[in-house]
C-alpha cells in the first residue's frame, strides 16, 4: 500500500481527528511521564547488559 493513497490519508486523518477531542491533558501528561520512564529504564538495561557481556567475555 502506498502512503500517498487518498483513502489511506483520509482514514488516518479521520482517526486522528476523532481521537484528539477525547484526550484529556491528564492523559497526555501521564503518557509523557510513562514514555520517559520507559526510555530511561530501557537505556539503563541496555548499558547494564553491555557491561555484563563485556565482563563475561574477559
N, C-alpha and C. Protein backbone atom coordinates (compact mmCIF):
# COMPACT_ATOMS: atom_id res chain seq x y z
N UNK A 1 0.84 -1.18 0.00
CA UNK A 1 0.00 0.00 0.00
C UNK A 1 0.88 1.23 0.00
N UNK A 2 0.56 2.16 -0.85
CA UNK A 2 1.34 3.40 -0.92
C UNK A 2 0.81 4.40 0.08
N UNK A 3 1.72 5.19 0.66
CA UNK A 3 1.29 6.15 1.66
C UNK A 3 0.63 7.38 1.03
N UNK A 4 0.73 7.53 -0.29
CA UNK A 4 0.10 8.67 -0.96
C UNK A 4 -1.34 8.36 -1.37
N UNK A 5 -1.83 7.20 -1.00
CA UNK A 5 -3.18 6.79 -1.32
C UNK A 5 -4.17 7.72 -0.59
N UNK A 6 -5.08 8.40 -1.33
CA UNK A 6 -6.00 9.34 -0.68
C UNK A 6 -6.91 8.69 0.35
N UNK A 7 -7.30 7.44 0.14
CA UNK A 7 -8.15 6.75 1.11
C UNK A 7 -7.40 6.52 2.41
N UNK A 8 -6.13 6.17 2.30
CA UNK A 8 -5.31 5.95 3.49
C UNK A 8 -5.13 7.25 4.26
N UNK A 9 -4.83 8.32 3.55
CA UNK A 9 -4.64 9.63 4.19
C UNK A 9 -5.94 10.09 4.84
N UNK A 10 -7.05 9.90 4.18
CA UNK A 10 -8.34 10.28 4.74
C UNK A 10 -8.70 9.48 5.98
N UNK A 11 -8.42 8.19 5.94
CA UNK A 11 -8.71 7.33 7.08
C UNK A 11 -7.82 7.71 8.27
N UNK A 12 -6.54 7.90 8.01
CA UNK A 12 -5.62 8.27 9.09
C UNK A 12 -5.99 9.63 9.67
N UNK A 13 -6.32 10.58 8.82
CA UNK A 13 -6.72 11.90 9.29
C UNK A 13 -8.00 11.87 10.10
N UNK A 14 -8.97 11.11 9.64
CA UNK A 14 -10.23 10.98 10.36
C UNK A 14 -10.05 10.30 11.70
N UNK A 15 -9.20 9.29 11.74
CA UNK A 15 -8.92 8.62 13.01
C UNK A 15 -8.26 9.57 13.99
N UNK A 16 -7.28 10.30 13.51
CA UNK A 16 -6.58 11.26 14.37
C UNK A 16 -7.53 12.33 14.89
N UNK A 17 -8.36 12.87 14.01
CA UNK A 17 -9.29 13.92 14.42
C UNK A 17 -10.37 13.40 15.36
N UNK A 18 -10.69 12.12 15.30
CA UNK A 18 -11.69 11.57 16.22
C UNK A 18 -11.08 11.25 17.58
N UNK A 19 -9.78 11.04 17.64
CA UNK A 19 -9.11 10.73 18.91
C UNK A 19 -8.80 12.00 19.70
N UNK A 20 -8.39 13.07 19.01
CA UNK A 20 -7.94 14.29 19.68
C UNK A 20 -8.95 14.85 20.68
N UNK A 21 -10.23 14.97 20.35
CA UNK A 21 -11.16 15.56 21.34
C UNK A 21 -11.36 14.70 22.59
N UNK A 22 -11.03 13.42 22.50
CA UNK A 22 -11.22 12.52 23.64
C UNK A 22 -10.02 12.46 24.57
N UNK A 23 -8.95 13.17 24.24
CA UNK A 23 -7.76 13.16 25.09
C UNK A 23 -7.87 14.23 26.16
N UNK A 24 -7.60 13.84 27.38
CA UNK A 24 -7.52 14.79 28.47
C UNK A 24 -6.07 15.21 28.66
N UNK A 25 -5.86 16.38 29.20
CA UNK A 25 -4.49 16.82 29.43
C UNK A 25 -3.80 15.89 30.44
N UNK A 26 -4.58 15.31 31.35
CA UNK A 26 -4.01 14.36 32.31
C UNK A 26 -3.47 13.13 31.60
N UNK A 27 -4.19 12.67 30.58
CA UNK A 27 -3.74 11.50 29.82
C UNK A 27 -2.45 11.80 29.07
N UNK A 28 -2.36 12.98 28.51
CA UNK A 28 -1.16 13.36 27.77
C UNK A 28 0.04 13.43 28.71
N UNK A 29 -0.15 14.04 29.87
CA UNK A 29 0.94 14.14 30.85
C UNK A 29 1.35 12.76 31.33
N UNK A 30 0.37 11.90 31.60
CA UNK A 30 0.66 10.54 32.05
C UNK A 30 1.44 9.78 30.98
N UNK A 31 1.06 9.95 29.73
CA UNK A 31 1.75 9.28 28.63
C UNK A 31 3.19 9.77 28.50
N UNK A 32 3.39 11.07 28.63
CA UNK A 32 4.74 11.62 28.55
C UNK A 32 5.62 11.09 29.68
N UNK A 33 5.07 11.06 30.89
CA UNK A 33 5.83 10.56 32.04
C UNK A 33 6.17 9.09 31.87
N UNK A 34 5.21 8.29 31.44
CA UNK A 34 5.47 6.86 31.25
C UNK A 34 6.46 6.61 30.13
N UNK A 35 6.36 7.36 29.04
CA UNK A 35 7.30 7.19 27.93
C UNK A 35 8.72 7.54 28.37
N UNK A 36 8.85 8.60 29.16
CA UNK A 36 10.17 8.98 29.67
C UNK A 36 10.73 7.91 30.59
N UNK A 37 9.89 7.40 31.47
CA UNK A 37 10.33 6.35 32.39
C UNK A 37 10.76 5.09 31.63
N UNK A 38 9.99 4.69 30.65
CA UNK A 38 10.33 3.50 29.86
C UNK A 38 11.64 3.72 29.10
N UNK A 39 11.85 4.91 28.56
CA UNK A 39 13.10 5.19 27.84
C UNK A 39 14.30 5.12 28.77
N UNK A 40 14.16 5.66 29.98
CA UNK A 40 15.26 5.63 30.94
C UNK A 40 15.57 4.20 31.36
N UNK A 41 14.54 3.41 31.65
CA UNK A 41 14.74 2.02 32.05
C UNK A 41 15.37 1.22 30.91
N UNK A 42 14.89 1.43 29.71
CA UNK A 42 15.44 0.71 28.55
C UNK A 42 16.92 1.05 28.33
N UNK A 43 17.24 2.33 28.43
CA UNK A 43 18.63 2.75 28.26
C UNK A 43 19.51 2.15 29.35
N UNK A 44 19.03 2.18 30.59
CA UNK A 44 19.81 1.64 31.71
C UNK A 44 20.03 0.14 31.55
N UNK A 45 19.01 -0.58 31.16
CA UNK A 45 19.15 -2.04 30.97
C UNK A 45 20.12 -2.35 29.83
N UNK A 46 20.06 -1.58 28.75
CA UNK A 46 20.97 -1.85 27.63
C UNK A 46 22.42 -1.58 28.03
N UNK A 47 22.66 -0.53 28.81
CA UNK A 47 24.02 -0.25 29.29
C UNK A 47 24.49 -1.35 30.24
N UNK A 48 23.60 -1.79 31.13
CA UNK A 48 23.93 -2.86 32.07
C UNK A 48 24.24 -4.16 31.34
N UNK A 49 23.43 -4.50 30.34
CA UNK A 49 23.69 -5.73 29.58
C UNK A 49 25.00 -5.64 28.80
N UNK A 50 25.29 -4.48 28.24
CA UNK A 50 26.54 -4.31 27.51
C UNK A 50 27.72 -4.50 28.46
N UNK A 51 27.63 -3.94 29.66
CA UNK A 51 28.68 -4.09 30.66
C UNK A 51 28.84 -5.57 31.05
N UNK A 52 27.73 -6.26 31.29
CA UNK A 52 27.80 -7.67 31.69
C UNK A 52 28.37 -8.55 30.58
N UNK A 53 28.03 -8.26 29.34
CA UNK A 53 28.54 -9.06 28.22
C UNK A 53 30.05 -8.85 28.08
N UNK A 54 30.50 -7.60 28.20
CA UNK A 54 31.94 -7.34 28.13
C UNK A 54 32.67 -8.03 29.27
N UNK A 55 32.09 -7.99 30.46
CA UNK A 55 32.73 -8.62 31.62
C UNK A 55 32.76 -10.14 31.45
N UNK A 56 31.72 -10.69 30.87
CA UNK A 56 31.64 -12.15 30.69
C UNK A 56 32.63 -12.63 29.63
N UNK A 57 32.91 -11.83 28.61
CA UNK A 57 33.83 -12.23 27.54
C UNK A 57 35.27 -12.28 28.02
N UNK A 58 35.62 -11.52 29.04
CA UNK A 58 37.01 -11.48 29.51
C UNK A 58 37.40 -12.68 30.29
